[in-house]
Amino acid sequence: MIRVVLPAHLRTLAKIDGEVVLDVQGEVTQESVIDALEARYPVLRGTIRDHGTHKRRPFMRYFACEQDLSHEPSDKPLPEAVAQGAEPYLIVGAMAGG
């Protein structure tokens, strides 16, 4: 069981209230979590990562256990606390401007 917290605009798009709980088969990586999220909520495809390259979209950030994982390899295992459901995996919409 993986807990995922999405930004408000993506929760609204996917009609999700609160946290998402996913079953991820195999190794728990950023890629496997987002794969499971997009499989369950197809409307999110292309909003978190690019359709073709699967690279993180600009202004989307990934956090777990108070660490910014945005620039980590997508196939690197997530912290054990996330894999066990003790800590959530956060997808955050960053802001820019001045």
PDB file of N, CA and C in Angstrom:
ATOM      1  N   MET A   1       0.834  -1.172   0.000  1.00  0.00           N
ATOM      2  CA  MET A   1       0.000   0.000   0.000  1.00  0.00           C
ATOM      3  C   MET A   1       0.886   1.247   0.000  1.00  0.00           C
ATOM      4  N   ILE A   2       0.730   2.057  -1.029  1.00  0.00           N
ATOM      5  CA  ILE A   2       1.487   3.301  -1.152  1.00  0.00           C
ATOM      6  C   ILE A   2       0.504   4.460  -1.032  1.00  0.00           C
ATOM      7  N   ARG A   3       0.854   5.428  -0.222  1.00  0.00           N
ATOM      8  CA  ARG A   3       0.029   6.629  -0.057  1.00  0.00           C
ATOM      9  C   ARG A   3       0.608   7.734  -0.932  1.00  0.00           C
ATOM     10  N   VAL A   4      -0.246   8.360  -1.736  1.00  0.00           N
ATOM     11  CA  VAL A   4       0.187   9.430  -2.636  1.00  0.00           C
ATOM     12  C   VAL A   4      -0.651  10.667  -2.367  1.00  0.00           C
ATOM     13  N   VAL A   5       0.027  11.799  -2.218  1.00  0.00           N
ATOM     14  CA  VAL A   5      -0.640  13.085  -2.050  1.00  0.00           C
ATOM     15  C   VAL A   5      -0.407  13.883  -3.323  1.00  0.00           C
ATOM     16  N   LEU A   6      -1.496  14.344  -3.930  1.00  0.00           N
ATOM     17  CA  LEU A   6      -1.442  15.105  -5.176  1.00  0.00           C
ATOM     18  C   LEU A   6      -1.791  16.564  -4.924  1.00  0.00           C
ATOM     19  N   PRO A   7      -1.327  17.459  -5.812  1.00  0.00           N
ATOM     20  CA  PRO A   7      -1.729  18.861  -5.685  1.00  0.00           C
ATOM     21  C   PRO A   7      -3.228  19.006  -5.975  1.00  0.00           C
ATOM     22  N   ALA A   8      -3.817  20.066  -5.463  1.00  0.00           N
ATOM     23  CA  ALA A   8      -5.266  20.270  -5.555  1.00  0.00           C
ATOM     24  C   ALA A   8      -5.776  20.233  -6.990  1.00  0.00           C
ATOM     25  N   HIS A   9      -5.047  20.835  -7.934  1.00  0.00           N
ATOM     26  CA  HIS A   9      -5.560  20.875  -9.309  1.00  0.00           C
ATOM     27  C   HIS A   9      -5.624  19.479  -9.936  1.00  0.00           C
ATOM     28  N   LEU A  10      -4.711  18.574  -9.570  1.00  0.00           N
ATOM     29  CA  LEU A  10      -4.765  17.214 -10.094  1.00  0.00           C
ATOM     30  C   LEU A  10      -5.829  16.387  -9.378  1.00  0.00           C
ATOM     31  N   ARG A  11      -6.037  16.628  -8.092  1.00  0.00           N
ATOM     32  CA  ARG A  11      -7.123  15.949  -7.381  1.00  0.00           C
ATOM     33  C   ARG A  11      -8.473  16.340  -7.980  1.00  0.00           C
ATOM     34  N   THR A  12      -8.621  17.623  -8.300  1.00  0.00           N
ATOM     35  CA  THR A  12      -9.865  18.097  -8.918  1.00  0.00           C
ATOM     36  C   THR A  12     -10.062  17.455 -10.279  1.00  0.00           C
ATOM     37  N   LEU A  13      -9.012  17.422 -11.100  1.00  0.00           N
ATOM     38  CA  LEU A  13      -9.088  16.833 -12.428  1.00  0.00           C
ATOM     39  C   LEU A  13      -9.517  15.366 -12.373  1.00  0.00           C
ATOM     40  N   ALA A  14      -8.942  14.617 -11.433  1.00  0.00           N
ATOM     41  CA  ALA A  14      -9.221  13.187 -11.314  1.00  0.00           C
ATOM     42  C   ALA A  14     -10.404  12.882 -10.387  1.00  0.00           C
ATOM     43  N   LYS A  15     -11.009  13.926  -9.830  1.00  0.00           N
ATOM     44  CA  LYS A  15     -12.142  13.767  -8.903  1.00  0.00           C
ATOM     45  C   LYS A  15     -11.765  12.888  -7.715  1.00  0.00           C
ATOM     46  N   ILE A  16     -10.651  13.272  -7.073  1.00  0.00           N
ATOM     47  CA  ILE A  16     -10.123  12.545  -5.923  1.00  0.00           C
ATOM     48  C   ILE A  16     -10.290  13.420  -4.682  1.00  0.00           C
ATOM     49  N   ASP A  17     -10.761  12.818  -3.609  1.00  0.00           N
ATOM     50  CA  ASP A  17     -10.826  13.500  -2.313  1.00  0.00           C
ATOM     51  C   ASP A  17      -9.686  12.991  -1.448  1.00  0.00           C
ATOM     52  N   GLY A  18      -8.784  13.862  -1.048  1.00  0.00           N
ATOM     53  CA  GLY A  18      -7.715  13.481  -0.136  1.00  0.00           C
ATOM     54  C   GLY A  18      -6.617  12.648  -0.766  1.00  0.00           C
ATOM     55  N   GLU A  19      -6.053  11.791   0.053  1.00  0.00           N
ATOM     56  CA  GLU A  19      -4.907  10.966  -0.314  1.00  0.00           C
ATOM     57  C   GLU A  19      -5.335   9.790  -1.195  1.00  0.00           C
ATOM     58  N   VAL A  20      -4.449   9.361  -2.080  1.00  0.00           N
ATOM     59  CA  VAL A  20      -4.687   8.188  -2.917  1.00  0.00           C
ATOM     60  C   VAL A  20      -3.906   7.019  -2.314  1.00  0.00           C
ATOM     61  N   VAL A  21      -4.529   5.864  -2.235  1.00  0.00           N
ATOM     62  CA  VAL A  21      -3.861   4.656  -1.753  1.00  0.00           C
ATOM     63  C   VAL A  21      -3.776   3.688  -2.930  1.00  0.00           C
ATOM     64  N   LEU A  22      -2.550   3.274  -3.241  1.00  0.00           N
ATOM     65  CA  LEU A  22      -2.304   2.411  -4.397  1.00  0.00           C
ATOM     66  C   LEU A  22      -1.618   1.119  -3.978  1.00  0.00           C
ATOM     67  N   ASP A  23      -1.910   0.053  -4.702  1.00  0.00           N
ATOM     68  CA  ASP A  23      -1.145  -1.184  -4.583  1.00  0.00           C
ATOM     69  C   ASP A  23      -0.144  -1.182  -5.721  1.00  0.00           C
ATOM     70  N   VAL A  24       1.130  -1.232  -5.394  1.00  0.00           N
ATOM     71  CA  VAL A  24       2.186  -1.248  -6.399  1.00  0.00           C
ATOM     72  C   VAL A  24       2.841  -2.613  -6.354  1.00  0.00           C
ATOM     73  N   GLN A  25       2.834  -3.272  -7.483  1.00  0.00           N
ATOM     74  CA  GLN A  25       3.439  -4.603  -7.572  1.00  0.00           C
ATOM     75  C   GLN A  25       4.936  -4.475  -7.839  1.00  0.00           C
ATOM     76  N   GLY A  26       5.722  -5.315  -7.222  1.00  0.00           N
ATOM     77  CA  GLY A  26       7.166  -5.302  -7.444  1.00  0.00           C
ATOM     78  C   GLY A  26       7.850  -4.189  -6.672  1.00  0.00           C
ATOM     79  N   GLU A  27       8.965  -3.755  -7.212  1.00  0.00           N
ATOM     80  CA  GLU A  27       9.773  -2.736  -6.548  1.00  0.00           C
ATOM     81  C   GLU A  27       9.053  -1.386  -6.566  1.00  0.00           C
ATOM     82  N   VAL A  28       9.084  -0.687  -5.436  1.00  0.00           N
ATOM     83  CA  VAL A  28       8.408   0.604  -5.316  1.00  0.00           C
ATOM     84  C   VAL A  28       9.386   1.710  -5.689  1.00  0.00           C
ATOM     85  N   THR A  29       9.186   2.241  -6.898  1.00  0.00           N
ATOM     86  CA  THR A  29      10.006   3.335  -7.417  1.00  0.00           C
ATOM     87  C   THR A  29       9.068   4.477  -7.797  1.00  0.00           C
ATOM     88  N   GLN A  30       9.644   5.632  -8.097  1.00  0.00           N
ATOM     89  CA  GLN A  30       8.813   6.741  -8.561  1.00  0.00           C
ATOM     90  C   GLN A  30       8.056   6.330  -9.823  1.00  0.00           C
ATOM     91  N   GLU A  31       8.742   5.648 -10.709  1.00  0.00           N
ATOM     92  CA  GLU A  31       8.131   5.216 -11.963  1.00  0.00           C
ATOM     93  C   GLU A  31       6.969   4.250 -11.719  1.00  0.00           C
ATOM     94  N   SER A  32       7.158   3.262 -10.842  1.00  0.00           N
ATOM     95  CA  SER A  32       6.089   2.283 -10.604  1.00  0.00           C
ATOM     96  C   SER A  32       4.892   2.916  -9.905  1.00  0.00           C
ATOM     97  N   VAL A  33       5.141   3.887  -9.039  1.00  0.00           N
ATOM     98  CA  VAL A  33       4.043   4.579  -8.358  1.00  0.00           C
ATOM     99  C   VAL A  33       3.246   5.408  -9.357  1.00  0.00           C
ATOM    100  N   ILE A  34       3.937   6.150 -10.211  1.00  0.00           N
ATOM    101  CA  ILE A  34       3.232   6.978 -11.193  1.00  0.00           C
ATOM    102  C   ILE A  34       2.547   6.097 -12.238  1.00  0.00           C
ATOM    103  N   ASP A  35       3.153   4.979 -12.613  1.00  0.00           N
ATOM    104  CA  ASP A  35       2.489   4.025 -13.506  1.00  0.00           C
ATOM    105  C   ASP A  35       1.156   3.573 -12.901  1.00  0.00           C
ATOM    106  N   ALA A  36       1.174   3.187 -11.630  1.00  0.00           N
ATOM    107  CA  ALA A  36      -0.038   2.720 -10.949  1.00  0.00           C
ATOM    108  C   ALA A  36      -1.066   3.843 -10.824  1.00  0.00           C
ATOM    109  N   LEU A  37      -0.600   5.037 -10.550  1.00  0.00           N
ATOM    110  CA  LEU A  37      -1.490   6.196 -10.434  1.00  0.00           C
ATOM    111  C   LEU A  37      -2.176   6.486 -11.770  1.00  0.00           C
ATOM    112  N   GLU A  38      -1.399   6.482 -12.857  1.00  0.00           N
ATOM    113  CA  GLU A  38      -1.967   6.748 -14.179  1.00  0.00           C
ATOM    114  C   GLU A  38      -2.881   5.613 -14.651  1.00  0.00           C
ATOM    115  N   ALA A  39      -2.593   4.390 -14.246  1.00  0.00           N
ATOM    116  CA  ALA A  39      -3.457   3.262 -14.612  1.00  0.00           C
ATOM    117  C   ALA A  39      -4.818   3.392 -13.918  1.00  0.00           C
ATOM    118  N   ARG A  40      -4.791   3.817 -12.682  1.00  0.00           N
ATOM    119  CA  ARG A  40      -6.042   3.964 -11.928  1.00  0.00           C
ATOM    120  C   ARG A  40      -6.816   5.213 -12.325  1.00  0.00           C
ATOM    121  N   TYR A  41      -6.086   6.285 -12.642  1.00  0.00           N
ATOM    122  CA  TYR A  41      -6.700   7.561 -13.026  1.00  0.00           C
ATOM    123  C   TYR A  41      -6.139   7.989 -14.383  1.00  0.00           C
ATOM    124  N   PRO A  42      -6.636   7.427 -15.474  1.00  0.00           N
ATOM    125  CA  PRO A  42      -6.104   7.716 -16.815  1.00  0.00           C
ATOM    126  C   PRO A  42      -6.123   9.200 -17.179  1.00  0.00           C
ATOM    127  N   VAL A  43      -7.020   9.956 -16.590  1.00  0.00           N
ATOM    128  CA  VAL A  43      -7.083  11.390 -16.877  1.00  0.00           C
ATOM    129  C   VAL A  43      -5.795  12.112 -16.451  1.00  0.00           C
ATOM    130  N   LEU A  44      -5.013  11.505 -15.581  1.00  0.00           N
ATOM    131  CA  LEU A  44      -3.756  12.115 -15.123  1.00  0.00           C
ATOM    132  C   LEU A  44      -2.576  11.870 -16.065  1.00  0.00           C
ATOM    133  N   ARG A  45      -2.762  11.003 -17.064  1.00  0.00           N
ATOM    134  CA  ARG A  45      -1.665  10.721 -18.005  1.00  0.00           C
ATOM    135  C   ARG A  45      -1.251  12.012 -18.708  1.00  0.00           C
ATOM    136  N   GLY A  46       0.033  12.275 -18.649  1.00  0.00           N
ATOM    137  CA  GLY A  46       0.574  13.468 -19.290  1.00  0.00           C
ATOM    138  C   GLY A  46       0.565  14.711 -18.421  1.00  0.00           C
ATOM    139  N   THR A  47      -0.028  14.640 -17.240  1.00  0.00           N
ATOM    140  CA  THR A  47      -0.068  15.815 -16.366  1.00  0.00           C
ATOM    141  C   THR A  47       1.111  15.855 -15.397  1.00  0.00           C
ATOM    142  N   ILE A  48       1.610  14.697 -15.020  1.00  0.00           N
ATOM    143  CA  ILE A  48       2.703  14.598 -14.057  1.00  0.00           C
ATOM    144  C   ILE A  48       4.036  14.405 -14.774  1.00  0.00           C
ATOM    145  N   ARG A  49       3.989  13.649 -15.861  1.00  0.00           N
ATOM    146  CA  ARG A  49       5.189  13.401 -16.659  1.00  0.00           C
ATOM    147  C   ARG A  49       4.792  13.388 -18.137  1.00  0.00           C
ATOM    148  N   ASP A  50       5.764  13.590 -18.980  1.00  0.00           N
ATOM    149  CA  ASP A  50       5.542  13.642 -20.421  1.00  0.00           C
ATOM    150  C   ASP A  50       5.058  12.286 -20.942  1.00  0.00           C
ATOM    151  N   HIS A  51       4.108  12.319 -21.886  1.00  0.00           N
ATOM    152  CA  HIS A  51       3.562  11.080 -22.458  1.00  0.00           C
ATOM    153  C   HIS A  51       4.643  10.188 -23.054  1.00  0.00           C
ATOM    154  N   GLY A  52       5.500  10.764 -23.895  1.00  0.00           N
ATOM    155  CA  GLY A  52       6.480   9.964 -24.631  1.00  0.00           C
ATOM    156  C   GLY A  52       7.723   9.603 -23.850  1.00  0.00           C
ATOM    157  N   THR A  53       8.314  10.594 -23.194  1.00  0.00           N
ATOM    158  CA  THR A  53       9.594  10.373 -22.522  1.00  0.00           C
ATOM    159  C   THR A  53       9.450   9.884 -21.084  1.00  0.00           C
ATOM    160  N   HIS A  54       8.302  10.104 -20.486  1.00  0.00           N
ATOM    161  CA  HIS A  54       8.036   9.793 -19.078  1.00  0.00           C
ATOM    162  C   HIS A  54       8.909  10.617 -18.135  1.00  0.00           C
ATOM    163  N   LYS A  55       9.468  11.720 -18.632  1.00  0.00           N
ATOM    164  CA  LYS A  55      10.235  12.614 -17.768  1.00  0.00           C
ATOM    165  C   LYS A  55       9.283  13.536 -17.014  1.00  0.00           C
ATOM    166  N   ARG A  56       9.704  13.914 -15.831  1.00  0.00           N
ATOM    167  CA  ARG A  56       8.920  14.804 -14.982  1.00  0.00           C
ATOM    168  C   ARG A  56       8.594  16.089 -15.736  1.00  0.00           C
ATOM    169  N   ARG A  57       7.349  16.530 -15.644  1.00  0.00           N
ATOM    170  CA  ARG A  57       6.940  17.795 -16.257  1.00  0.00           C
ATOM    171  C   ARG A  57       7.580  18.957 -15.482  1.00  0.00           C
ATOM    172  N   PRO A  58       7.887  20.042 -16.193  1.00  0.00           N
ATOM    173  CA  PRO A  58       8.380  21.231 -15.481  1.00  0.00           C
ATOM    174  C   PRO A  58       7.363  21.660 -14.420  1.00  0.00           C
ATOM    175  N   PHE A  59       7.844  22.120 -13.331  1.00  0.00           N
ATOM    176  CA  PHE A  59       7.041  22.604 -12.207  1.00  0.00           C
ATOM    177  C   PHE A  59       6.341  21.496 -11.420  1.00  0.00           C
ATOM    178  N   MET A  60       6.654  20.250 -11.708  1.00  0.00           N
ATOM    179  CA  MET A  60       6.174  19.151 -10.864  1.00  0.00           C
ATOM    180  C   MET A  60       7.372  18.672 -10.047  1.00  0.00           C
ATOM    181  N   ARG A  61       7.160  18.502  -8.762  1.00  0.00           N
ATOM    182  CA  ARG A  61       8.229  18.054  -7.870  1.00  0.00           C
ATOM    183  C   ARG A  61       7.758  16.831  -7.104  1.00  0.00           C
ATOM    184  N   TYR A  62       8.708  15.971  -6.729  1.00  0.00           N
ATOM    185  CA  TYR A  62       8.413  14.736  -6.006  1.00  0.00           C
ATOM    186  C   TYR A  62       9.158  14.755  -4.668  1.00  0.00           C
ATOM    187  N   PHE A  63       8.452  14.430  -3.597  1.00  0.00           N
ATOM    188  CA  PHE A  63       9.046  14.411  -2.268  1.00  0.00           C
ATOM    189  C   PHE A  63       8.653  13.140  -1.527  1.00  0.00           C
ATOM    190  N   ALA A  64       9.555  12.678  -0.665  1.00  0.00           N
ATOM    191  CA  ALA A  64       9.275  11.562   0.243  1.00  0.00           C
ATOM    192  C   ALA A  64      10.204  11.686   1.435  1.00  0.00           C
ATOM    193  N   CYS A  65       9.658  11.462   2.604  1.00  0.00           N
ATOM    194  CA  CYS A  65      10.461  11.495   3.843  1.00  0.00           C
ATOM    195  C   CYS A  65      11.276  12.784   3.944  1.00  0.00           C
ATOM    196  N   GLU A  66      10.650  13.907   3.631  1.00  0.00           N
ATOM    197  CA  GLU A  66      11.257  15.232   3.714  1.00  0.00           C
ATOM    198  C   GLU A  66      12.456  15.408   2.776  1.00  0.00           C
ATOM    199  N   GLN A  67      12.518  14.606   1.717  1.00  0.00           N
ATOM    200  CA  GLN A  67      13.597  14.710   0.735  1.00  0.00           C
ATOM    201  C   GLN A  67      13.012  15.034  -0.629  1.00  0.00           C
ATOM    202  N   ASP A  68      13.676  15.929  -1.353  1.00  0.00           N
ATOM    203  CA  ASP A  68      13.276  16.240  -2.722  1.00  0.00           C
ATOM    204  C   ASP A  68      13.857  15.168  -3.636  1.00  0.00           C
ATOM    205  N   LEU A  69      12.994  14.389  -4.262  1.00  0.00           N
ATOM    206  CA  LEU A  69      13.415  13.295  -5.135  1.00  0.00           C
ATOM    207  C   LEU A  69      13.239  13.648  -6.608  1.00  0.00           C
ATOM    208  N   SER A  70      12.966  14.904  -6.897  1.00  0.00           N
ATOM    209  CA  SER A  70      12.627  15.336  -8.255  1.00  0.00           C
ATOM    210  C   SER A  70      13.711  15.032  -9.276  1.00  0.00           C
ATOM    211  N   HIS A  71      14.958  15.057  -8.860  1.00  0.00           N
ATOM    212  CA  HIS A  71      16.054  14.845  -9.801  1.00  0.00           C
ATOM    213  C   HIS A  71      16.712  13.476  -9.647  1.00  0.00           C
ATOM    214  N   GLU A  72      16.099  12.618  -8.836  1.00  0.00           N
ATOM    215  CA  GLU A  72      16.602  11.256  -8.663  1.00  0.00           C
ATOM    216  C   GLU A  72      16.163  10.402  -9.858  1.00  0.00           C
ATOM    217  N   PRO A  73      16.892   9.350 -10.178  1.00  0.00           N
ATOM    218  CA  PRO A  73      16.452   8.446 -11.248  1.00  0.00           C
ATOM    219  C   PRO A  73      15.072   7.866 -10.924  1.00  0.00           C
ATOM    220  N   SER A  74      14.218   7.790 -11.934  1.00  0.00           N
ATOM    221  CA  SER A  74      12.839   7.334 -11.698  1.00  0.00           C
ATOM    222  C   SER A  74      12.754   5.856 -11.316  1.00  0.00           C
ATOM    223  N   ASP A  75      13.821   5.097 -11.583  1.00  0.00           N
ATOM    224  CA  ASP A  75      13.805   3.671 -11.242  1.00  0.00           C
ATOM    225  C   ASP A  75      14.518   3.358  -9.925  1.00  0.00           C
ATOM    226  N   LYS A  76      14.939   4.400  -9.202  1.00  0.00           N
ATOM    227  CA  LYS A  76      15.573   4.211  -7.896  1.00  0.00           C
ATOM    228  C   LYS A  76      14.486   3.881  -6.865  1.00  0.00           C
ATOM    229  N   PRO A  77      14.695   2.870  -6.025  1.00  0.00           N
ATOM    230  CA  PRO A  77      13.687   2.526  -5.018  1.00  0.00           C
ATOM    231  C   PRO A  77      13.381   3.700  -4.086  1.00  0.00           C
ATOM    232  N   LEU A  78      12.100   3.830  -3.755  1.00  0.00           N
ATOM    233  CA  LEU A  78      11.687   4.866  -2.807  1.00  0.00           C
ATOM    234  C   LEU A  78      12.045   4.426  -1.395  1.00  0.00           C
ATOM    235  N   PRO A  79      12.130   5.371  -0.438  1.00  0.00           N
ATOM    236  CA  PRO A  79      12.456   5.000   0.946  1.00  0.00           C
ATOM    237  C   PRO A  79      11.494   3.927   1.477  1.00  0.00           C
ATOM    238  N   GLU A  80      11.999   3.086   2.342  1.00  0.00           N
ATOM    239  CA  GLU A  80      11.227   1.980   2.901  1.00  0.00           C
ATOM    240  C   GLU A  80       9.950   2.460   3.586  1.00  0.00           C
ATOM    241  N   ALA A  81      10.012   3.621   4.243  1.00  0.00           N
ATOM    242  CA  ALA A  81       8.816   4.152   4.918  1.00  0.00           C
ATOM    243  C   ALA A  81       7.690   4.433   3.921  1.00  0.00           C
ATOM    244  N   VAL A  82       8.028   4.827   2.710  1.00  0.00           N
ATOM    245  CA  VAL A  82       7.025   5.060   1.661  1.00  0.00           C
ATOM    246  C   VAL A  82       6.515   3.714   1.145  1.00  0.00           C
ATOM    247  N   ALA A  83       7.422   2.789   0.901  1.00  0.00           N
ATOM    248  CA  ALA A  83       7.051   1.472   0.386  1.00  0.00           C
ATOM    249  C   ALA A  83       6.122   0.725   1.351  1.00  0.00           C
ATOM    250  N   GLN A  84       6.260   0.993   2.648  1.00  0.00           N
ATOM    251  CA  GLN A  84       5.425   0.335   3.649  1.00  0.00           C
ATOM    252  C   GLN A  84       4.151   1.115   3.968  1.00  0.00           C
ATOM    253  N   GLY A  85       4.008   2.312   3.398  1.00  0.00           N
ATOM    254  CA  GLY A  85       2.817   3.124   3.638  1.00  0.00           C
ATOM    255  C   GLY A  85       2.860   3.972   4.887  1.00  0.00           C
ATOM    256  N   ALA A  86       4.006   3.994   5.582  1.00  0.00           N
ATOM    257  CA  ALA A  86       4.122   4.810   6.790  1.00  0.00           C
ATOM    258  C   ALA A  86       4.233   6.300   6.456  1.00  0.00           C
ATOM    259  N   GLU A  87       4.854   6.609   5.337  1.00  0.00           N
ATOM    260  CA  GLU A  87       5.026   7.989   4.880  1.00  0.00           C
ATOM    261  C   GLU A  87       4.432   8.109   3.480  1.00  0.00           C
ATOM    262  N   PRO A  88       3.850   9.279   3.160  1.00  0.00           N
ATOM    263  CA  PRO A  88       3.293   9.450   1.816  1.00  0.00           C
ATOM    264  C   PRO A  88       4.350   9.853   0.799  1.00  0.00           C
ATOM    265  N   TYR A  89       4.038   9.602  -0.448  1.00  0.00           N
ATOM    266  CA  TYR A  89       4.820  10.088  -1.591  1.00  0.00           C
ATOM    267  C   TYR A  89       4.083  11.334  -2.071  1.00  0.00           C
ATOM    268  N   LEU A  90       4.774  12.448  -2.088  1.00  0.00           N
ATOM    269  CA  LEU A  90       4.144  13.736  -2.419  1.00  0.00           C
ATOM    270  C   LEU A  90       4.500  14.165  -3.838  1.00  0.00           C
ATOM    271  N   ILE A  91       3.480  14.515  -4.597  1.00  0.00           N
ATOM    272  CA  ILE A  91       3.667  15.128  -5.904  1.00  0.00           C
ATOM    273  C   ILE A  91       3.169  16.560  -5.747  1.00  0.00           C
ATOM    274  N   VAL A  92       4.066  17.507  -5.970  1.00  0.00           N
ATOM    275  CA  VAL A  92       3.770  18.907  -5.681  1.00  0.00           C
ATOM    276  C   VAL A  92       3.875  19.738  -6.944  1.00  0.00           C
ATOM    277  N   GLY A  93       2.926  20.607  -7.152  1.00  0.00           N
ATOM    278  CA  GLY A  93       2.987  21.561  -8.253  1.00  0.00           C
ATOM    279  C   GLY A  93       3.731  22.801  -7.781  1.00  0.00           C
ATOM    280  N   ALA A  94       4.939  23.008  -8.304  1.00  0.00           N
ATOM    281  CA  ALA A  94       5.753  24.149  -7.904  1.00  0.00           C
ATOM    282  C   ALA A  94       5.199  25.426  -8.548  1.00  0.00           C
ATOM    283  N   MET A  95       5.560  26.557  -7.988  1.00  0.00           N
ATOM    284  CA  MET A  95       5.099  27.842  -8.511  1.00  0.00           C
ATOM    285  C   MET A  95       6.308  28.641  -8.981  1.00  0.00           C
ATOM    286  N   ALA A  96       6.091  29.491  -9.950  1.00  0.00           N
ATOM    287  CA  ALA A  96       7.162  30.343 -10.460  1.00  0.00           C
ATOM    288  C   ALA A  96       6.600  31.746 -10.661  1.00  0.00           C
ATOM    289  N   GLY A  97       7.479  32.657 -10.814  1.00  0.00           N
ATOM    290  CA  GLY A  97       7.054  34.036 -11.052  1.00  0.00           C
ATOM    291  C   GLY A  97       7.703  34.966 -10.063  1.00  0.00           C
ATOM    292  N   GLY A  98       7.375  36.179 -10.157  1.00  0.00           N
ATOM    293  CA  GLY A  98       8.022  37.126  -9.247  1.00  0.00           C
ATOM    294  C   GLY A  98       7.148  38.234  -8.841  1.00  0.00           C
TER     295      GLY A  98
END
